[in-house]
Amino acid sequence: MGLLEGKVAIVSGSGRGIGREFALCLAIEGAAVVVNDIGATLDGESTTETPAQSVVAEIEALGGRAVANADSVTDFDGAARIVQSAIDAFGRVDILVNNAGIVRDKTLLKMDESDYDSVIGVHQKGTFNLTRHAAVHMKAQEYGRIINITSSAGLRGNFGQTNYGAAKAAIMGMTFVWALELGRYGITVNAVAPAGATRMTASLYEKSGKEVPAEENAALNAPLVAFLASEAAAHVNGQLLGRTEYAYTLFQHPKQIGWMWRDGGWSAAQIAEDFDKCLGQHLQPVGMVMPKSMAK
């Protein structure tokens, strides 16, 4: 018997890549799954593909239960329909994995407003939209598991990803807020920064000059999400977790690591005099830490 027998999950953006692995793993653990995917290209453009239905067929072939949904998380009413599809098909919603995403990588000076708004709309607003609707049902049943998908691009920064990094950092902040607000109702909210080679990360490997590995390692993220979606993780709330190669990791929450004090406050000149000896020694690097397989 799996960890998620009798539970109902929604996984956004689960027609391909890491999202597909989430949906398959949750189904293997016993959950009925709403496979949501609009079938868009990597940058969000519409296509005629139906990847969600393909994943549903895979789940059914494994003996699981699933339905496809093609509504966009960027639309508030569309997100409501995604949640309603879980209610209509399976009678409830217990688990929400906010995974849908696109990328439009450009440096700041080359990025236009549409590049920024599109990525923010899917990642940040999409996460808000789906959670806003799903949390109502979870509160009523006094149980829920929300797993937000963030990224080291937002937690540490990554070249050429102003839009993506901003959205993923915002998802971290929303995770903390929702963990505080919803915890009283038996709902946990955590964030996971996955790792793995998918069509979304292929450009990172290409820029490094390394061969793009197979997508199989994307599946290594899924068991962690399945655990967080289970009753066994009731004590885990408001946490940032991730994966590096074969390790699961826990991120430290942002916090003060150094102090400089002067009675009555500081002038700019006084800060300049004392900054390096008080805070300068604690300055931290920015940028993502890539797996060893990408290191030059």
Protein backbone atom coordinates (compact mmCIF):
# COMPACT_ATOMS: atom_id res chain seq x y z
CA MET A 1 0.00 0.00 0.00
CA GLY A 2 1.40 3.37 -1.02
CA LEU A 3 1.88 6.48 1.10
CA LEU A 4 -0.95 8.27 -0.72
CA GLU A 5 -3.75 5.71 -0.92
CA GLY A 6 -7.14 7.46 -1.04
CA LYS A 7 -5.64 10.91 -1.67
CA VAL A 8 -6.32 13.18 -4.63
CA ALA A 9 -3.56 15.28 -6.17
CA ILE A 10 -3.29 18.09 -8.69
CA VAL A 11 0.04 18.54 -10.45
CA SER A 12 0.28 21.58 -12.69
CA GLY A 13 2.54 21.46 -15.71
CA SER A 14 2.78 17.70 -15.46
CA GLY A 15 2.64 16.69 -19.11
CA ARG A 16 6.41 16.57 -19.44
CA GLY A 17 9.70 16.67 -17.57
CA ILE A 18 9.87 16.88 -13.81
CA GLY A 19 6.11 17.49 -13.52
CA ARG A 20 5.40 14.23 -15.32
CA GLU A 21 7.66 12.42 -12.86
CA PHE A 22 5.75 13.98 -9.97
CA ALA A 23 2.42 12.84 -11.38
CA LEU A 24 3.63 9.29 -12.03
CA CYS A 25 5.21 8.94 -8.59
CA LEU A 26 2.12 10.25 -6.78
CA ALA A 27 -0.02 7.80 -8.75
CA ILE A 28 2.31 4.90 -7.94
CA GLU A 29 1.97 5.82 -4.27
CA GLY A 30 -1.81 5.51 -4.61
CA ALA A 31 -3.08 9.02 -5.32
CA ALA A 32 -5.64 9.84 -7.98
CA VAL A 33 -4.10 12.60 -10.09
CA VAL A 34 -5.29 15.58 -12.11
CA VAL A 35 -2.63 15.96 -14.78
CA ASN A 36 -2.70 19.62 -15.78
CA ASP A 37 -0.80 20.84 -18.84
CA ILE A 38 -1.75 23.24 -21.62
CA GLY A 39 0.69 21.62 -24.06
CA ALA A 40 2.68 24.80 -24.63
CA THR A 41 6.20 25.26 -25.90
CA LEU A 42 8.99 26.01 -23.46
CA ASP A 43 8.39 29.76 -23.75
CA GLY A 44 4.62 29.43 -23.31
CA GLU A 45 3.43 29.48 -26.92
CA SER A 46 0.36 27.38 -27.77
CA THR A 47 0.65 24.06 -29.60
CA THR A 48 -1.74 21.30 -30.62
CA GLU A 49 0.00 18.73 -28.42
CA THR A 50 -1.84 16.96 -25.59
CA PRO A 51 0.89 15.79 -23.19
CA ALA A 52 -1.49 15.67 -20.22
CA GLN A 53 -3.57 12.98 -21.87
CA SER A 54 -0.44 10.97 -22.59
CA VAL A 55 0.52 11.00 -18.91
CA VAL A 56 -3.01 9.99 -17.94
CA ALA A 57 -2.64 6.98 -20.24
CA GLU A 58 0.65 6.09 -18.56
CA ILE A 59 -0.93 6.27 -15.11
CA GLU A 60 -3.91 4.18 -16.17
CA ALA A 61 -1.55 1.60 -17.67
CA LEU A 62 0.04 1.33 -14.24
CA GLY A 63 -3.38 0.67 -12.70
CA GLY A 64 -3.83 4.19 -11.34
CA ARG A 65 -6.55 6.81 -11.70
CA ALA A 66 -6.05 10.12 -13.47
CA VAL A 67 -7.78 12.78 -15.53
CA ALA A 68 -6.33 15.38 -17.85
CA ASN A 69 -6.90 19.12 -17.65
CA ALA A 70 -5.69 21.76 -20.10
CA ASP A 71 -6.68 24.99 -18.32
CA SER A 72 -4.01 27.65 -17.80
CA VAL A 73 -2.81 28.40 -14.27
CA THR A 74 -2.28 32.02 -15.33
CA ASP A 75 -6.05 32.57 -15.47
CA PHE A 76 -7.76 32.87 -12.07
CA ASP A 77 -10.97 31.27 -13.31
CA GLY A 78 -8.99 28.65 -15.21
CA ALA A 79 -7.24 27.70 -11.98
CA ALA A 80 -10.63 27.29 -10.35
CA ARG A 81 -11.58 24.88 -13.12
CA ILE A 82 -8.43 22.85 -12.52
CA VAL A 83 -9.37 22.42 -8.87
CA GLN A 84 -12.98 21.71 -9.76
CA SER A 85 -11.85 18.96 -12.12
CA ALA A 86 -10.39 17.15 -9.09
CA ILE A 87 -13.64 17.59 -7.17
CA ASP A 88 -15.75 16.42 -10.10
CA ALA A 89 -13.62 13.38 -10.89
CA PHE A 90 -12.55 12.26 -7.43
CA GLY A 91 -14.63 14.15 -4.85
CA ARG A 92 -11.89 16.08 -3.07
CA VAL A 93 -8.40 17.57 -3.35
CA ASP A 94 -5.69 16.71 -0.82
CA ILE A 95 -2.45 17.53 -2.59
CA LEU A 96 -1.38 20.40 -4.81
CA VAL A 97 1.97 20.49 -6.58
CA ASN A 98 2.56 23.91 -8.15
CA ASN A 99 4.95 22.92 -10.89
CA ALA A 100 3.82 24.72 -14.07
CA GLY A 101 6.48 26.92 -15.57
CA ILE A 102 8.04 28.46 -18.66
CA VAL A 103 11.35 30.19 -19.33
CA ARG A 104 12.31 33.16 -21.47
CA ASP A 105 15.95 33.60 -20.58
CA LYS A 106 17.57 36.93 -21.46
CA THR A 107 19.87 39.31 -19.69
CA LEU A 108 18.23 42.34 -18.09
CA LEU A 109 19.21 44.72 -20.88
CA LYS A 110 17.71 42.43 -23.53
CA MET A 111 14.54 41.41 -21.67
CA ASP A 112 11.30 43.12 -22.63
CA GLU A 113 8.13 43.52 -20.62
CA SER A 114 6.37 40.57 -22.23
CA ASP A 115 9.27 38.25 -21.37
CA TYR A 116 9.01 39.31 -17.75
CA ASP A 117 5.22 39.27 -17.46
CA SER A 118 4.83 35.88 -19.14
CA VAL A 119 7.22 34.07 -16.80
CA ILE A 120 5.89 35.82 -13.70
CA GLY A 121 2.34 35.01 -14.82
CA VAL A 122 2.93 31.26 -15.01
CA HIS A 123 5.22 30.70 -12.04
CA GLN A 124 4.23 33.29 -9.46
CA LYS A 125 0.64 34.16 -10.31
CA GLY A 126 -0.11 30.59 -11.37
CA THR A 127 1.07 29.34 -7.98
CA PHE A 128 -1.13 31.90 -6.25
CA ASN A 129 -4.16 31.15 -8.43
CA LEU A 130 -4.17 27.40 -7.90
CA THR A 131 -3.38 27.59 -4.19
CA ARG A 132 -6.07 30.20 -3.60
CA HIS A 133 -8.74 27.86 -4.97
CA ALA A 134 -7.39 24.56 -3.61
CA ALA A 135 -6.86 25.89 -0.08
CA VAL A 136 -10.59 26.56 0.32
CA HIS A 137 -11.33 22.84 -0.05
CA MET A 138 -8.37 21.82 2.07
CA LYS A 139 -9.46 24.10 4.89
CA ALA A 140 -12.98 22.66 4.83
CA GLN A 141 -11.65 19.11 5.18
CA GLU A 142 -8.91 20.20 7.65
CA TYR A 143 -6.21 18.49 5.61
CA GLY A 144 -3.94 19.44 2.77
CA ARG A 145 -0.45 19.23 1.36
CA ILE A 146 0.87 22.03 -0.86
CA ILE A 147 4.26 21.66 -2.51
CA ASN A 148 5.53 24.70 -4.38
CA ILE A 149 8.31 24.24 -6.91
CA THR A 150 11.00 26.87 -6.53
CA SER A 151 14.54 26.97 -7.90
CA SER A 152 18.08 27.83 -6.91
CA ALA A 153 17.77 30.54 -9.57
CA GLY A 154 15.48 32.34 -7.14
CA LEU A 155 17.22 31.29 -3.94
CA ARG A 156 20.77 32.09 -5.13
CA GLY A 157 20.45 33.87 -8.48
CA ASN A 158 21.31 32.78 -12.02
CA PHE A 159 22.66 34.75 -15.00
CA GLY A 160 20.03 35.68 -17.58
CA GLN A 161 17.00 34.81 -15.45
CA THR A 162 15.62 38.04 -14.01
CA ASN A 163 12.04 36.91 -14.64
CA TYR A 164 12.45 33.29 -13.57
CA GLY A 165 14.57 34.15 -10.53
CA ALA A 166 12.10 36.80 -9.40
CA ALA A 167 9.20 34.37 -9.67
CA LYS A 168 10.99 31.57 -7.86
CA ALA A 169 12.10 33.89 -5.05
CA ALA A 170 8.50 35.07 -4.70
CA ILE A 171 7.36 31.46 -4.43
CA MET A 172 9.76 31.04 -1.50
CA GLY A 173 8.15 34.02 0.21
CA MET A 174 4.62 32.79 -0.46
CA THR A 175 5.58 29.39 0.97
CA PHE A 176 6.57 30.98 4.27
CA VAL A 177 3.41 33.08 4.45
CA TRP A 178 1.05 30.22 3.59
CA ALA A 179 2.76 27.86 6.04
CA LEU A 180 1.91 30.37 8.78
CA GLU A 181 -1.63 31.04 7.57
CA LEU A 182 -2.75 27.52 6.67
CA GLY A 183 -0.93 25.42 9.24
CA ARG A 184 -3.75 25.87 11.74
CA TYR A 185 -6.08 24.02 9.37
CA GLY A 186 -3.97 20.90 9.00
CA ILE A 187 -2.43 22.14 5.74
CA THR A 188 1.32 22.06 5.25
CA VAL A 189 3.09 24.21 2.67
CA ASN A 190 6.65 23.47 1.60
CA ALA A 191 8.85 24.32 -1.37
CA VAL A 192 11.17 22.09 -3.35
CA ALA A 193 14.02 23.20 -5.62
CA PRO A 194 14.43 20.19 -7.90
CA ALA A 195 17.40 19.33 -10.07
CA GLY A 196 17.56 17.43 -13.31
CA ALA A 197 17.99 17.69 -17.04
CA THR A 198 14.75 18.57 -18.80
CA ARG A 199 13.89 20.72 -21.80
CA MET A 200 13.70 23.68 -19.36
CA THR A 201 17.26 23.21 -18.10
CA ALA A 202 18.89 22.05 -21.32
CA SER A 203 20.18 25.54 -22.12
CA LEU A 204 22.16 25.60 -18.86
CA TYR A 205 24.06 22.51 -19.92
CA GLU A 206 24.54 23.81 -23.44
CA LYS A 207 25.98 27.09 -22.15
CA SER A 208 28.42 25.16 -19.96
CA GLY A 209 29.71 23.24 -22.97
CA LYS A 210 28.60 19.96 -21.42
CA GLU A 211 26.52 17.30 -23.08
CA VAL A 212 22.86 17.45 -22.06
CA PRO A 213 22.17 14.30 -20.00
CA ALA A 214 19.08 12.13 -20.31
CA GLU A 215 15.92 13.23 -18.53
CA GLU A 216 15.90 10.13 -16.32
CA ASN A 217 17.54 11.93 -13.41
CA ALA A 218 14.47 14.19 -13.21
CA ALA A 219 12.69 11.23 -11.60
CA LEU A 220 14.99 11.47 -8.57
CA ASN A 221 13.04 14.53 -7.36
CA ALA A 222 9.68 12.81 -7.26
CA PRO A 223 9.99 10.64 -4.10
CA LEU A 224 10.70 13.74 -2.01
CA VAL A 225 7.53 15.41 -3.30
CA ALA A 226 5.54 12.23 -2.65
CA PHE A 227 6.80 12.17 0.93
CA LEU A 228 5.90 15.83 1.49
CA ALA A 229 2.45 15.07 0.07
CA SER A 230 1.85 12.30 2.60
CA GLU A 231 0.53 12.10 6.14
CA ALA A 232 4.03 11.08 7.22
CA ALA A 233 5.18 14.67 6.59
CA ALA A 234 2.63 16.35 8.88
CA HIS A 235 5.47 17.86 10.95
CA VAL A 236 7.21 19.41 7.93
CA ASN A 237 5.88 22.90 7.22
CA GLY A 238 7.36 26.07 5.76
CA GLN A 239 10.56 24.36 4.63
CA LEU A 240 12.75 24.72 1.53
CA LEU A 241 14.09 21.42 0.30
CA GLY A 242 16.03 20.38 -2.76
CA ARG A 243 18.08 17.76 -4.50
CA THR A 244 21.74 17.63 -5.49
CA GLU A 245 22.64 14.48 -7.41
CA TYR A 246 21.64 11.57 -5.09
CA ALA A 247 21.18 13.76 -2.00
CA TYR A 248 18.08 15.50 -0.71
CA THR A 249 18.90 18.81 0.89
CA LEU A 250 17.40 21.33 3.31
CA PHE A 251 18.00 25.03 2.68
CA GLN A 252 18.67 27.43 5.51
CA HIS A 253 16.04 30.16 5.69
CA PRO A 254 17.29 33.68 4.99
CA LYS A 255 18.39 35.23 8.26
CA GLN A 256 20.84 37.78 9.65
CA ILE A 257 24.37 36.40 9.90
CA GLY A 258 26.22 39.50 11.06
CA TRP A 259 25.60 42.69 13.01
CA MET A 260 27.20 46.10 13.45
CA TRP A 261 25.96 48.29 16.29
CA ARG A 262 26.51 51.91 17.32
CA ASP A 263 24.57 53.64 20.08
CA GLY A 264 22.37 56.32 18.55
CA GLY A 265 22.73 55.03 14.99
CA TRP A 266 25.16 55.51 12.15
CA SER A 267 26.27 58.11 9.65
CA ALA A 268 27.25 57.02 6.15
CA ALA A 269 30.89 57.87 6.91
CA GLN A 270 30.86 55.74 10.05
CA ILE A 271 29.40 52.81 8.12
CA ALA A 272 32.16 53.19 5.52
CA GLU A 273 34.78 53.10 8.26
CA ASP A 274 33.46 50.00 10.03
CA PHE A 275 31.61 48.00 7.37
CA ASP A 276 34.45 45.75 6.24
CA LYS A 277 35.61 44.76 9.70
CA CYS A 278 32.04 44.09 10.92
CA LEU A 279 30.02 42.83 7.94
CA GLY A 280 32.47 42.62 5.05
CA GLN A 281 33.91 39.36 6.36
CA HIS A 282 30.45 37.76 6.01
CA LEU A 283 29.72 38.72 2.38
CA GLN A 284 28.33 35.78 0.44
CA PRO A 285 28.66 34.62 -3.17
CA VAL A 286 25.70 34.67 -5.54
CA GLY A 287 24.79 32.20 -8.24
CA MET A 288 23.58 28.64 -8.51
CA VAL A 289 25.76 25.73 -7.45
CA MET A 290 25.75 23.29 -10.35
CA PRO A 291 26.02 19.52 -9.93
CA LYS A 292 29.49 18.00 -10.24
CA SER A 293 28.53 16.57 -13.63
CA MET A 294 28.37 20.15 -14.99
CA ALA A 295 31.53 21.41 -13.35
CA LYS A 296 34.38 22.22 -15.73
